[in-house]
C-alpha cells in the first residue's frame, strides 16, 4: 500500500495538468479537487510567456510584495486565503501560478486554493530563487 501512494499522487498530478490543458482546448475533462501541481521556475517562465489568461499570485505579505515581485503578479497573502475564494480569483478554471519567498507559503496557499475547487493551480517556489525580472515599488 505504501508503494501505491506515490504512484497515485503522480497520476493525480498528471490528470490535473491534462485536465487544465483539455479545459483550455475546449474538450471536457474531469479535474481532481484538492490537487495542485508543483513545477520548476523554468516551467513557470514558459507558462508566463503564454497569453492564456493566467494569473501570477504572490502569497507574501503586502510589505514583502512591495519590496519586489514578479511582473504582473497580484498580491494575495497566504494568511488571507481561508475558506472563501479570493475576489481576485473569480474563475476556478483559470491557470494560477503561485509563489512566495521560499516556497513554504506558496505550497500552503496552492493547497488551500485546490481544496476550494480551483482546478489549474501551479506552485513554483520562491522569489529568492527567481532569475527573471523583478519589479520594485
N, C-alpha and C. Protein backbone atom coordinates (compact mmCIF):
# COMPACT_ATOMS: atom_id res chain seq x y z
N UNK A 1 0.82 -1.19 0.00
CA UNK A 1 0.00 0.00 0.00
C UNK A 1 0.86 1.25 0.00
N UNK A 2 1.97 1.26 0.78
CA UNK A 2 2.83 2.43 0.84
C UNK A 2 3.46 2.73 -0.52
N UNK A 3 3.72 1.68 -1.30
CA UNK A 3 4.31 1.87 -2.63
C UNK A 3 3.28 2.43 -3.60
N UNK A 4 2.01 2.20 -3.37
CA UNK A 4 0.95 2.64 -4.25
C UNK A 4 0.66 4.14 -4.11
N UNK A 5 0.85 4.69 -2.94
CA UNK A 5 0.53 6.10 -2.69
C UNK A 5 1.32 7.04 -3.59
N UNK A 6 2.66 6.93 -3.71
CA UNK A 6 3.38 7.84 -4.61
C UNK A 6 2.92 7.71 -6.07
N UNK A 7 2.59 6.51 -6.48
CA UNK A 7 2.12 6.30 -7.85
C UNK A 7 0.78 7.00 -8.05
N UNK A 8 -0.12 6.89 -7.09
CA UNK A 8 -1.42 7.55 -7.19
C UNK A 8 -1.27 9.07 -7.19
N UNK A 9 -0.38 9.60 -6.36
CA UNK A 9 -0.16 11.04 -6.33
C UNK A 9 0.39 11.54 -7.65
N UNK A 10 1.34 10.83 -8.22
CA UNK A 10 1.90 11.21 -9.51
C UNK A 10 0.83 11.16 -10.60
N UNK A 11 0.01 10.14 -10.57
CA UNK A 11 -1.06 10.02 -11.56
C UNK A 11 -2.06 11.16 -11.41
N UNK A 12 -2.36 11.55 -10.18
CA UNK A 12 -3.29 12.65 -9.94
C UNK A 12 -2.73 13.96 -10.49
N UNK A 13 -1.43 14.21 -10.29
CA UNK A 13 -0.81 15.43 -10.82
C UNK A 13 -0.88 15.46 -12.33
N UNK A 14 -0.64 14.32 -12.97
CA UNK A 14 -0.72 14.26 -14.44
C UNK A 14 -2.14 14.52 -14.90
N UNK A 15 -3.12 13.95 -14.21
CA UNK A 15 -4.51 14.17 -14.59
C UNK A 15 -4.92 15.63 -14.44
N UNK A 16 -4.45 16.29 -13.39
CA UNK A 16 -4.77 17.71 -13.21
C UNK A 16 -4.18 18.52 -14.35
N UNK A 17 -2.92 18.28 -14.67
CA UNK A 17 -2.28 19.01 -15.76
C UNK A 17 -3.00 18.74 -17.07
N UNK A 18 -3.35 17.50 -17.32
CA UNK A 18 -4.06 17.14 -18.55
C UNK A 18 -5.45 17.77 -18.56
N UNK A 19 -6.09 17.80 -17.40
CA UNK A 19 -7.41 18.41 -17.31
C UNK A 19 -7.38 19.88 -17.62
N UNK A 20 -6.36 20.59 -17.15
CA UNK A 20 -6.23 22.01 -17.44
C UNK A 20 -6.00 22.22 -18.92
N UNK A 21 -5.14 21.42 -19.53
CA UNK A 21 -4.86 21.54 -20.96
C UNK A 21 -6.11 21.23 -21.77
N UNK A 22 -6.83 20.20 -21.39
CA UNK A 22 -8.04 19.84 -22.11
C UNK A 22 -9.10 20.92 -21.95
N UNK A 23 -9.19 21.48 -20.76
CA UNK A 23 -10.17 22.53 -20.49
C UNK A 23 -9.90 23.73 -21.39
N UNK A 24 -8.63 24.10 -21.54
CA UNK A 24 -8.27 25.25 -22.37
C UNK A 24 -8.52 24.97 -23.84
N UNK A 25 -8.42 23.72 -24.27
CA UNK A 25 -8.61 23.40 -25.67
C UNK A 25 -10.06 23.14 -26.02
N UNK A 26 -10.93 23.17 -25.04
CA UNK A 26 -12.35 23.03 -25.30
C UNK A 26 -12.90 21.63 -25.09
N UNK A 27 -12.08 20.63 -24.88
CA UNK A 27 -12.60 19.30 -24.63
C UNK A 27 -12.93 19.16 -23.16
N UNK A 28 -13.75 18.19 -22.84
CA UNK A 28 -14.14 18.05 -21.44
C UNK A 28 -13.22 17.08 -20.73
N UNK A 29 -12.90 17.41 -19.51
CA UNK A 29 -12.08 16.55 -18.67
C UNK A 29 -12.45 16.84 -17.23
N UNK A 30 -12.47 15.82 -16.43
CA UNK A 30 -12.79 15.99 -15.02
C UNK A 30 -11.51 16.30 -14.26
N UNK A 31 -11.49 17.44 -13.56
CA UNK A 31 -10.32 17.82 -12.77
C UNK A 31 -10.47 17.28 -11.36
N UNK A 32 -9.35 17.07 -10.71
CA UNK A 32 -9.35 16.49 -9.38
C UNK A 32 -9.31 17.60 -8.35
N UNK A 33 -10.32 17.65 -7.51
CA UNK A 33 -10.36 18.66 -6.45
C UNK A 33 -9.30 18.34 -5.41
N UNK A 34 -8.64 19.38 -4.92
CA UNK A 34 -7.68 19.21 -3.84
C UNK A 34 -6.27 18.92 -4.29
N UNK A 35 -5.99 19.02 -5.60
CA UNK A 35 -4.66 18.71 -6.09
C UNK A 35 -4.10 19.93 -6.84
N UNK A 36 -2.87 20.29 -6.52
CA UNK A 36 -2.16 21.31 -7.28
C UNK A 36 -0.89 20.67 -7.83
N UNK A 37 -0.24 21.35 -8.77
CA UNK A 37 0.94 20.80 -9.42
C UNK A 37 2.15 21.65 -9.08
N UNK A 38 3.21 21.01 -8.60
CA UNK A 38 4.48 21.71 -8.39
C UNK A 38 5.25 21.70 -9.69
N UNK A 39 5.73 22.89 -10.10
CA UNK A 39 6.51 23.00 -11.33
C UNK A 39 7.80 23.74 -11.04
N UNK A 40 8.74 23.65 -11.95
CA UNK A 40 10.00 24.37 -11.80
C UNK A 40 9.79 25.83 -12.19
N UNK A 41 10.74 26.66 -11.81
CA UNK A 41 10.65 28.06 -12.20
C UNK A 41 10.79 28.23 -13.70
N UNK A 42 11.57 27.38 -14.35
CA UNK A 42 11.68 27.43 -15.81
C UNK A 42 10.34 27.12 -16.46
N UNK A 43 9.62 26.13 -15.92
CA UNK A 43 8.30 25.81 -16.45
C UNK A 43 7.35 26.99 -16.23
N UNK A 44 7.45 27.63 -15.06
CA UNK A 44 6.59 28.78 -14.77
C UNK A 44 6.88 29.92 -15.75
N UNK A 45 8.16 30.16 -16.04
CA UNK A 45 8.52 31.22 -17.01
C UNK A 45 7.91 30.94 -18.37
N UNK A 46 7.96 29.70 -18.81
CA UNK A 46 7.38 29.33 -20.11
C UNK A 46 5.87 29.55 -20.09
N UNK A 47 5.24 29.19 -19.00
CA UNK A 47 3.79 29.39 -18.89
C UNK A 47 3.44 30.87 -18.88
N UNK A 48 4.28 31.70 -18.27
CA UNK A 48 4.04 33.14 -18.21
C UNK A 48 4.14 33.79 -19.59
N UNK A 49 4.88 33.16 -20.50
CA UNK A 49 5.01 33.69 -21.85
C UNK A 49 3.74 33.51 -22.66
N UNK A 50 2.89 32.57 -22.27
CA UNK A 50 1.64 32.31 -22.99
C UNK A 50 0.59 33.35 -22.62
N UNK A 51 -0.16 33.78 -23.62
CA UNK A 51 -1.25 34.71 -23.40
C UNK A 51 -2.54 33.89 -23.26
N UNK A 52 -2.64 33.17 -22.13
CA UNK A 52 -3.74 32.23 -21.93
C UNK A 52 -4.69 32.65 -20.81
N UNK A 53 -4.53 33.89 -20.34
CA UNK A 53 -5.40 34.35 -19.26
C UNK A 53 -4.95 33.93 -17.88
N UNK A 54 -3.70 33.44 -17.77
CA UNK A 54 -3.19 33.01 -16.47
C UNK A 54 -3.05 34.21 -15.52
N UNK A 55 -2.90 33.89 -14.26
CA UNK A 55 -2.65 34.92 -13.26
C UNK A 55 -1.49 34.44 -12.39
N UNK A 56 -0.61 35.37 -12.05
CA UNK A 56 0.53 35.08 -11.18
C UNK A 56 0.17 35.61 -9.80
N UNK A 57 0.25 34.75 -8.79
CA UNK A 57 -0.16 35.14 -7.44
C UNK A 57 1.03 35.05 -6.49
N UNK A 58 1.35 36.18 -5.89
CA UNK A 58 2.38 36.30 -4.86
C UNK A 58 1.65 36.20 -3.52
N UNK A 59 1.96 35.19 -2.72
CA UNK A 59 1.23 34.98 -1.47
C UNK A 59 1.99 35.50 -0.25
N UNK A 60 2.97 36.37 -0.49
CA UNK A 60 3.66 37.00 0.64
C UNK A 60 2.82 38.17 1.16
N UNK A 61 3.24 38.74 2.28
CA UNK A 61 2.57 39.93 2.82
C UNK A 61 2.77 41.11 1.87
N UNK A 62 1.92 42.12 1.98
CA UNK A 62 1.98 43.29 1.12
C UNK A 62 3.34 43.99 1.20
N UNK A 63 3.91 44.10 2.42
CA UNK A 63 5.20 44.79 2.55
C UNK A 63 6.31 44.02 1.82
N UNK A 64 6.25 42.69 1.82
CA UNK A 64 7.24 41.88 1.10
C UNK A 64 7.05 42.06 -0.41
N UNK A 65 5.80 42.05 -0.84
CA UNK A 65 5.46 42.25 -2.25
C UNK A 65 6.00 43.60 -2.74
N UNK A 66 5.79 44.63 -1.93
CA UNK A 66 6.24 45.99 -2.30
C UNK A 66 7.75 46.09 -2.45
N UNK A 67 8.50 45.24 -1.75
CA UNK A 67 9.96 45.26 -1.85
C UNK A 67 10.45 44.70 -3.18
N UNK A 68 9.63 43.93 -3.85
CA UNK A 68 9.99 43.36 -5.15
C UNK A 68 9.14 42.14 -5.45
N UNK A 69 8.58 42.11 -6.67
CA UNK A 69 7.72 41.00 -7.06
C UNK A 69 7.88 40.72 -8.55
N UNK A 70 7.40 39.59 -8.98
CA UNK A 70 7.43 39.22 -10.39
C UNK A 70 6.45 40.12 -11.14
N UNK A 71 6.85 40.60 -12.32
CA UNK A 71 5.96 41.48 -13.09
C UNK A 71 4.58 40.86 -13.30
N UNK A 72 3.55 41.69 -13.16
CA UNK A 72 2.14 41.33 -13.35
C UNK A 72 1.57 40.45 -12.25
N UNK A 73 2.36 40.16 -11.21
CA UNK A 73 1.84 39.36 -10.09
C UNK A 73 0.89 40.19 -9.25
N UNK A 74 -0.12 39.52 -8.71
CA UNK A 74 -1.02 40.17 -7.76
C UNK A 74 -0.71 39.63 -6.37
N UNK A 75 -0.88 40.47 -5.39
CA UNK A 75 -0.58 40.08 -4.01
C UNK A 75 -1.87 39.60 -3.34
N UNK A 76 -1.86 38.32 -2.97
CA UNK A 76 -2.94 37.74 -2.17
C UNK A 76 -2.24 36.98 -1.04
N UNK A 77 -2.04 37.64 0.10
CA UNK A 77 -1.29 36.99 1.18
C UNK A 77 -1.88 35.64 1.59
N UNK A 78 -0.99 34.68 1.82
CA UNK A 78 -1.41 33.34 2.24
C UNK A 78 -2.34 33.42 3.44
N UNK A 79 -2.05 34.31 4.37
CA UNK A 79 -2.86 34.43 5.58
C UNK A 79 -4.29 34.86 5.29
N UNK A 80 -4.51 35.50 4.13
CA UNK A 80 -5.86 35.95 3.79
C UNK A 80 -6.66 34.89 3.03
N UNK A 81 -6.00 33.83 2.59
CA UNK A 81 -6.69 32.76 1.88
C UNK A 81 -7.21 31.78 2.93
N UNK A 82 -8.50 31.76 3.07
CA UNK A 82 -9.10 30.91 4.10
C UNK A 82 -10.01 29.88 3.43
N UNK A 83 -11.32 30.02 3.61
CA UNK A 83 -12.26 29.06 3.04
C UNK A 83 -13.08 29.63 1.90
N UNK A 84 -13.08 30.96 1.76
CA UNK A 84 -13.83 31.60 0.68
C UNK A 84 -12.87 31.95 -0.45
N UNK A 85 -13.29 31.75 -1.70
CA UNK A 85 -12.43 32.10 -2.84
C UNK A 85 -12.06 33.59 -2.81
N UNK A 86 -10.78 33.91 -3.06
CA UNK A 86 -10.37 35.32 -3.11
C UNK A 86 -11.08 36.05 -4.25
N UNK A 87 -11.46 37.30 -4.03
CA UNK A 87 -12.17 38.06 -5.06
C UNK A 87 -11.31 38.26 -6.30
N UNK A 88 -9.99 38.24 -6.15
CA UNK A 88 -9.09 38.41 -7.28
C UNK A 88 -9.06 37.19 -8.19
N UNK A 89 -9.63 36.08 -7.74
CA UNK A 89 -9.61 34.82 -8.49
C UNK A 89 -11.03 34.30 -8.71
N UNK A 90 -11.82 35.00 -9.54
CA UNK A 90 -13.21 34.59 -9.73
C UNK A 90 -13.39 33.33 -10.58
N UNK A 91 -12.42 33.00 -11.44
CA UNK A 91 -12.53 31.87 -12.36
C UNK A 91 -11.77 30.67 -11.80
N UNK A 92 -12.49 29.67 -11.35
CA UNK A 92 -11.83 28.50 -10.73
C UNK A 92 -11.11 27.61 -11.73
N UNK A 93 -11.30 27.86 -13.04
CA UNK A 93 -10.60 27.09 -14.07
C UNK A 93 -9.43 27.87 -14.69
N UNK A 94 -9.16 29.06 -14.19
CA UNK A 94 -8.05 29.87 -14.68
C UNK A 94 -6.72 29.25 -14.25
N UNK A 95 -5.70 29.37 -15.10
CA UNK A 95 -4.37 28.92 -14.71
C UNK A 95 -3.83 29.90 -13.68
N UNK A 96 -3.45 29.37 -12.51
CA UNK A 96 -2.94 30.18 -11.40
C UNK A 96 -1.53 29.73 -11.08
N UNK A 97 -0.57 30.65 -11.18
CA UNK A 97 0.83 30.37 -10.87
C UNK A 97 1.14 31.02 -9.52
N UNK A 98 1.53 30.22 -8.54
CA UNK A 98 1.67 30.68 -7.15
C UNK A 98 3.12 30.63 -6.70
N UNK A 99 3.58 31.72 -6.07
CA UNK A 99 4.91 31.74 -5.47
C UNK A 99 4.90 32.56 -4.19
N UNK A 100 5.98 32.44 -3.42
CA UNK A 100 6.16 33.24 -2.20
C UNK A 100 7.63 33.62 -2.10
N UNK A 101 8.20 33.64 -0.91
CA UNK A 101 9.62 33.96 -0.75
C UNK A 101 10.47 32.71 -0.94
N UNK A 102 10.15 31.65 -0.21
CA UNK A 102 10.99 30.46 -0.23
C UNK A 102 10.30 29.23 -0.81
N UNK A 103 8.98 29.22 -0.87
CA UNK A 103 8.23 28.08 -1.35
C UNK A 103 7.32 27.46 -0.31
N UNK A 104 7.51 27.79 0.94
CA UNK A 104 6.70 27.20 2.01
C UNK A 104 5.25 27.72 1.96
N UNK A 105 5.09 29.03 1.95
CA UNK A 105 3.74 29.60 1.93
C UNK A 105 3.03 29.34 0.61
N UNK A 106 3.79 29.28 -0.49
CA UNK A 106 3.15 29.02 -1.78
C UNK A 106 2.55 27.62 -1.82
N UNK A 107 3.19 26.66 -1.20
CA UNK A 107 2.64 25.31 -1.13
C UNK A 107 1.35 25.31 -0.29
N UNK A 108 1.36 26.02 0.82
CA UNK A 108 0.17 26.10 1.66
C UNK A 108 -0.98 26.76 0.90
N UNK A 109 -0.68 27.88 0.26
CA UNK A 109 -1.71 28.62 -0.47
C UNK A 109 -2.24 27.80 -1.65
N UNK A 110 -1.34 27.15 -2.39
CA UNK A 110 -1.76 26.33 -3.53
C UNK A 110 -2.70 25.22 -3.06
N UNK A 111 -2.39 24.61 -1.94
CA UNK A 111 -3.26 23.54 -1.42
C UNK A 111 -4.62 24.10 -1.02
N UNK A 112 -4.64 25.26 -0.37
CA UNK A 112 -5.91 25.85 0.03
C UNK A 112 -6.76 26.18 -1.20
N UNK A 113 -6.14 26.71 -2.25
CA UNK A 113 -6.88 27.04 -3.47
C UNK A 113 -7.42 25.76 -4.13
N UNK A 114 -6.59 24.74 -4.19
CA UNK A 114 -7.03 23.47 -4.78
C UNK A 114 -8.19 22.89 -3.97
N UNK A 115 -8.11 22.98 -2.65
CA UNK A 115 -9.18 22.47 -1.79
C UNK A 115 -10.49 23.23 -2.00
N UNK A 116 -10.39 24.51 -2.42
CA UNK A 116 -11.58 25.32 -2.69
C UNK A 116 -12.18 25.01 -4.06
N UNK A 117 -11.50 24.18 -4.85
CA UNK A 117 -12.04 23.81 -6.15
C UNK A 117 -11.36 24.44 -7.34
N UNK A 118 -10.29 25.20 -7.13
CA UNK A 118 -9.51 25.73 -8.26
C UNK A 118 -8.84 24.55 -8.94
N UNK A 119 -8.93 24.50 -10.27
CA UNK A 119 -8.54 23.30 -11.00
C UNK A 119 -7.17 23.36 -11.67
N UNK A 120 -6.60 24.54 -11.82
CA UNK A 120 -5.33 24.68 -12.56
C UNK A 120 -4.32 25.48 -11.75
N UNK A 121 -3.99 24.98 -10.58
CA UNK A 121 -3.09 25.67 -9.66
C UNK A 121 -1.69 25.07 -9.81
N UNK A 122 -0.72 25.95 -10.09
CA UNK A 122 0.68 25.54 -10.25
C UNK A 122 1.53 26.31 -9.25
N UNK A 123 2.27 25.60 -8.44
CA UNK A 123 3.14 26.21 -7.43
C UNK A 123 4.58 26.09 -7.92
N UNK A 124 5.32 27.25 -7.91
CA UNK A 124 6.68 27.20 -8.43
C UNK A 124 7.73 27.75 -7.48
N UNK A 125 7.48 27.70 -6.19
CA UNK A 125 8.52 28.00 -5.22
C UNK A 125 8.62 29.45 -4.79
N UNK A 126 9.87 29.90 -4.59
CA UNK A 126 10.10 31.20 -4.00
C UNK A 126 10.85 32.18 -4.87
N UNK A 127 10.60 33.44 -4.61
CA UNK A 127 11.24 34.51 -5.36
C UNK A 127 12.75 34.59 -5.05
N UNK A 128 13.17 34.01 -3.94
CA UNK A 128 14.60 34.05 -3.62
C UNK A 128 15.43 33.29 -4.65
N UNK A 129 14.80 32.38 -5.38
CA UNK A 129 15.49 31.62 -6.41
C UNK A 129 15.17 32.13 -7.82
N UNK A 130 14.35 33.15 -7.93
CA UNK A 130 13.87 33.64 -9.23
C UNK A 130 15.00 34.34 -9.99
N UNK A 131 15.20 33.95 -11.24
CA UNK A 131 16.24 34.55 -12.07
C UNK A 131 15.68 35.51 -13.11
N UNK A 132 14.35 35.64 -13.15
CA UNK A 132 13.71 36.55 -14.08
C UNK A 132 13.62 37.96 -13.53
N UNK A 133 12.87 38.79 -14.23
CA UNK A 133 12.68 40.19 -13.83
C UNK A 133 11.94 40.28 -12.50
N UNK A 134 12.26 41.35 -11.78
CA UNK A 134 11.58 41.68 -10.53
C UNK A 134 11.22 43.16 -10.56
N UNK A 135 9.98 43.47 -10.24
CA UNK A 135 9.50 44.84 -10.18
C UNK A 135 9.63 45.33 -8.76
N UNK A 136 10.24 46.49 -8.57
CA UNK A 136 10.35 47.09 -7.23
C UNK A 136 9.48 48.33 -7.19
N UNK A 137 8.66 48.43 -6.14
CA UNK A 137 7.74 49.58 -5.98
C UNK A 137 8.52 50.81 -5.60
